[in-house]
Amino acid sequence: QVQLVESGGGLVQPGGSLRLSCAASEIFLRINTMGWYRQAPGKQRELVTTITPGGRTNYLDSVKGRFTISRDNAKNTVYLQMNSLKPEDTAVYYCNSVNIITQAEYWGQGTQVTVSS
């Protein structure tokens, strides 16, 4: 059974950094586009960033230059390095995968990121 398990969330002060991890089981990152979404209280879930099997990345405008997505195929893990965090980055962050062949989509359970002084 496919599982995406996020970790690394927490409380950080504005300007601080966090690295989120998404460990994937039963899927192969080489044939999945991986992404991170976030949902703040009272708001819709939004796409933060994606990385294709070929390594092409895409970012939400408000996180460009601050967030970096990466993947380690050997560890079947995707990372989200978040720097210069702002209070508006506070949200539950979700890992997502989409199989580029079957379009099967999976979600993690989410990890809370809170940016506050």
C-alpha atoms as a PDB file:
ATOM      1  CA  GLN A   1       0.000   0.000   0.000  1.00  0.00           C
ATOM      2  CA  VAL A   2       1.333   3.397  -0.989  1.00  0.00           C
ATOM      3  CA  GLN A   3       2.262   5.637   1.909  1.00  0.00           C
ATOM      4  CA  LEU A   4       3.646   9.143   2.019  1.00  0.00           C
ATOM      5  CA  VAL A   5       4.869  10.116   5.469  1.00  0.00           C
ATOM      6  CA  GLU A   6       5.838  13.707   6.158  1.00  0.00           C
ATOM      7  CA  SER A   7       8.085  14.882   8.966  1.00  0.00           C
ATOM      8  CA  GLY A   8      10.053  17.934   9.983  1.00  0.00           C
ATOM      9  CA  GLY A   9       7.308  20.398  10.774  1.00  0.00           C
ATOM     10  CA  GLY A  10       7.254  22.512  13.886  1.00  0.00           C
ATOM     11  CA  LEU A  11       7.355  25.989  15.366  1.00  0.00           C
ATOM     12  CA  VAL A  12       9.952  28.431  14.073  1.00  0.00           C
ATOM     13  CA  GLN A  13      10.526  32.151  14.419  1.00  0.00           C
ATOM     14  CA  PRO A  14      10.191  34.469  11.430  1.00  0.00           C
ATOM     15  CA  GLY A  15      13.361  34.345   9.374  1.00  0.00           C
ATOM     16  CA  GLY A  16      14.096  30.814  10.476  1.00  0.00           C
ATOM     17  CA  SER A  17      14.408  27.602   8.512  1.00  0.00           C
ATOM     18  CA  LEU A  18      12.843  24.156   8.450  1.00  0.00           C
ATOM     19  CA  ARG A  19      13.341  21.098   6.277  1.00  0.00           C
ATOM     20  CA  LEU A  20      10.394  18.874   5.592  1.00  0.00           C
ATOM     21  CA  SER A  21      10.808  15.274   4.493  1.00  0.00           C
ATOM     22  CA  CYS A  22       8.394  12.990   2.690  1.00  0.00           C
ATOM     23  CA  ALA A  23       9.245   9.309   2.798  1.00  0.00           C
ATOM     24  CA  ALA A  24       7.478   7.309   0.104  1.00  0.00           C
ATOM     25  CA  SER A  25       6.790   3.599   0.221  1.00  0.00           C
ATOM     26  CA  GLU A  26       5.600   1.331  -2.561  1.00  0.00           C
ATOM     27  CA  ILE A  27       6.108   3.938  -5.252  1.00  0.00           C
ATOM     28  CA  PHE A  28       9.091   4.796  -7.357  1.00  0.00           C
ATOM     29  CA  LEU A  29      10.035   8.440  -7.403  1.00  0.00           C
ATOM     30  CA  ARG A  30      11.478   7.992 -10.883  1.00  0.00           C
ATOM     31  CA  ILE A  31       7.979   7.728 -12.325  1.00  0.00           C
ATOM     32  CA  ASN A  32       6.192  10.138 -10.009  1.00  0.00           C
ATOM     33  CA  THR A  33       5.928  13.883  -9.991  1.00  0.00           C
ATOM     34  CA  MET A  34       6.270  14.844  -6.351  1.00  0.00           C
ATOM     35  CA  GLY A  35       4.904  17.970  -4.799  1.00  0.00           C
ATOM     36  CA  TRP A  36       4.236  19.914  -1.647  1.00  0.00           C
ATOM     37  CA  TYR A  37       0.931  21.620  -0.980  1.00  0.00           C
ATOM     38  CA  ARG A  38      -0.135  23.674   2.016  1.00  0.00           C
ATOM     39  CA  GLN A  39      -3.386  24.673   3.628  1.00  0.00           C
ATOM     40  CA  ALA A  40      -3.719  27.533   6.073  1.00  0.00           C
ATOM     41  CA  PRO A  41      -6.722  27.830   8.399  1.00  0.00           C
ATOM     42  CA  GLY A  42      -9.770  29.058   6.519  1.00  0.00           C
ATOM     43  CA  LYS A  43      -8.018  28.899   3.156  1.00  0.00           C
ATOM     44  CA  GLN A  44      -7.960  26.494   0.243  1.00  0.00           C
ATOM     45  CA  ARG A  45      -5.120  24.083  -0.228  1.00  0.00           C
ATOM     46  CA  GLU A  46      -2.510  25.550  -2.574  1.00  0.00           C
ATOM     47  CA  LEU A  47       0.354  24.116  -4.565  1.00  0.00           C
ATOM     48  CA  VAL A  48       3.724  25.179  -3.210  1.00  0.00           C
ATOM     49  CA  THR A  49       6.170  23.319  -5.421  1.00  0.00           C
ATOM     50  CA  THR A  50       6.627  20.273  -7.632  1.00  0.00           C
ATOM     51  CA  ILE A  51       9.524  18.269  -9.015  1.00  0.00           C
ATOM     52  CA  THR A  52       9.208  15.995 -12.026  1.00  0.00           C
ATOM     53  CA  PRO A  53      11.047  12.696 -12.528  1.00  0.00           C
ATOM     54  CA  GLY A  54      13.389  14.627 -14.786  1.00  0.00           C
ATOM     55  CA  GLY A  55      14.159  17.121 -12.037  1.00  0.00           C
ATOM     56  CA  ARG A  56      12.170  20.063 -13.385  1.00  0.00           C
ATOM     57  CA  THR A  57      10.858  22.226 -10.562  1.00  0.00           C
ATOM     58  CA  ASN A  58       8.044  24.719 -10.212  1.00  0.00           C
ATOM     59  CA  TYR A  59       7.345  27.105  -7.333  1.00  0.00           C
ATOM     60  CA  LEU A  60       4.566  29.279  -6.009  1.00  0.00           C
ATOM     61  CA  ASP A  61       5.618  32.892  -6.606  1.00  0.00           C
ATOM     62  CA  SER A  62       5.554  33.769  -2.913  1.00  0.00           C
ATOM     63  CA  VAL A  63       8.125  31.085  -2.029  1.00  0.00           C
ATOM     64  CA  LYS A  64      10.519  31.497  -4.943  1.00  0.00           C
ATOM     65  CA  GLY A  65      14.046  32.087  -3.725  1.00  0.00           C
ATOM     66  CA  ARG A  66      13.174  30.867  -0.217  1.00  0.00           C
ATOM     67  CA  PHE A  67      12.004  27.264  -0.678  1.00  0.00           C
ATOM     68  CA  THR A  68      13.799  24.440  -2.466  1.00  0.00           C
ATOM     69  CA  ILE A  69      12.396  21.040  -3.355  1.00  0.00           C
ATOM     70  CA  SER A  70      14.723  18.108  -3.890  1.00  0.00           C
ATOM     71  CA  ARG A  71      14.533  14.359  -4.157  1.00  0.00           C
ATOM     72  CA  ASP A  72      16.729  11.399  -3.257  1.00  0.00           C
ATOM     73  CA  ASN A  73      15.616   8.498  -5.409  1.00  0.00           C
ATOM     74  CA  ALA A  74      17.849   6.056  -3.546  1.00  0.00           C
ATOM     75  CA  LYS A  75      16.084   6.892  -0.292  1.00  0.00           C
ATOM     76  CA  ASN A  76      12.681   7.352  -1.942  1.00  0.00           C
ATOM     77  CA  THR A  77      12.417  10.648  -0.122  1.00  0.00           C
ATOM     78  CA  VAL A  78      11.501  14.162  -1.151  1.00  0.00           C
ATOM     79  CA  TYR A  79      12.574  17.230   0.791  1.00  0.00           C
ATOM     80  CA  LEU A  80      11.375  20.790   1.130  1.00  0.00           C
ATOM     81  CA  GLN A  81      13.987  23.187   2.443  1.00  0.00           C
ATOM     82  CA  MET A  82      12.268  26.322   3.695  1.00  0.00           C
ATOM     83  CA  ASN A  83      14.362  29.390   4.493  1.00  0.00           C
ATOM     84  CA  SER A  84      13.491  32.951   5.499  1.00  0.00           C
ATOM     85  CA  LEU A  85      10.154  31.742   6.793  1.00  0.00           C
ATOM     86  CA  LYS A  86       7.335  34.232   7.229  1.00  0.00           C
ATOM     87  CA  PRO A  87       4.192  34.104   9.379  1.00  0.00           C
ATOM     88  CA  GLU A  88       2.156  33.728   6.179  1.00  0.00           C
ATOM     89  CA  ASP A  89       3.925  30.405   5.538  1.00  0.00           C
ATOM     90  CA  THR A  90       2.066  28.961   8.524  1.00  0.00           C
ATOM     91  CA  ALA A  91       0.000  26.019   7.309  1.00  0.00           C
ATOM     92  CA  VAL A  92      -0.304  22.275   7.232  1.00  0.00           C
ATOM     93  CA  TYR A  93       2.066  21.027   4.542  1.00  0.00           C
ATOM     94  CA  TYR A  94       1.125  17.960   2.515  1.00  0.00           C
ATOM     95  CA  CYS A  95       3.256  15.722   0.346  1.00  0.00           C
ATOM     96  CA  ASN A  96       1.721  14.632  -2.957  1.00  0.00           C
ATOM     97  CA  SER A  97       2.663  12.174  -5.658  1.00  0.00           C
ATOM     98  CA  VAL A  98       1.261  11.663  -9.148  1.00  0.00           C
ATOM     99  CA  ASN A  99       2.283   8.689 -11.258  1.00  0.00           C
ATOM    100  CA  ILE A 100       3.195  10.047 -14.675  1.00  0.00           C
ATOM    101  CA  ILE A 101       1.953   6.872 -16.388  1.00  0.00           C
ATOM    102  CA  THR A 102      -1.242   5.968 -14.530  1.00  0.00           C
ATOM    103  CA  GLN A 103      -2.011   9.394 -13.004  1.00  0.00           C
ATOM    104  CA  ALA A 104      -2.589   7.644  -9.669  1.00  0.00           C
ATOM    105  CA  GLU A 105      -2.390  10.268  -6.945  1.00  0.00           C
ATOM    106  CA  TYR A 106      -1.521   9.935  -3.291  1.00  0.00           C
ATOM    107  CA  TRP A 107      -1.346  12.266  -0.296  1.00  0.00           C
ATOM    108  CA  GLY A 108       0.471  12.271   2.977  1.00  0.00           C
ATOM    109  CA  GLN A 109      -1.216  13.037   6.271  1.00  0.00           C
ATOM    110  CA  GLY A 110       0.309  16.490   6.577  1.00  0.00           C
ATOM    111  CA  THR A 111       2.723  18.190   8.934  1.00  0.00           C
ATOM    112  CA  GLN A 112       2.119  21.478  10.726  1.00  0.00           C
ATOM    113  CA  VAL A 113       4.453  24.404  10.152  1.00  0.00           C
ATOM    114  CA  THR A 114       3.960  27.422  12.397  1.00  0.00           C
ATOM    115  CA  VAL A 115       5.979  30.602  11.938  1.00  0.00           C
ATOM    116  CA  SER A 116       5.577  32.876  14.905  1.00  0.00           C
ATOM    117  CA  SER A 117       7.588  34.930  17.360  1.00  0.00           C
END
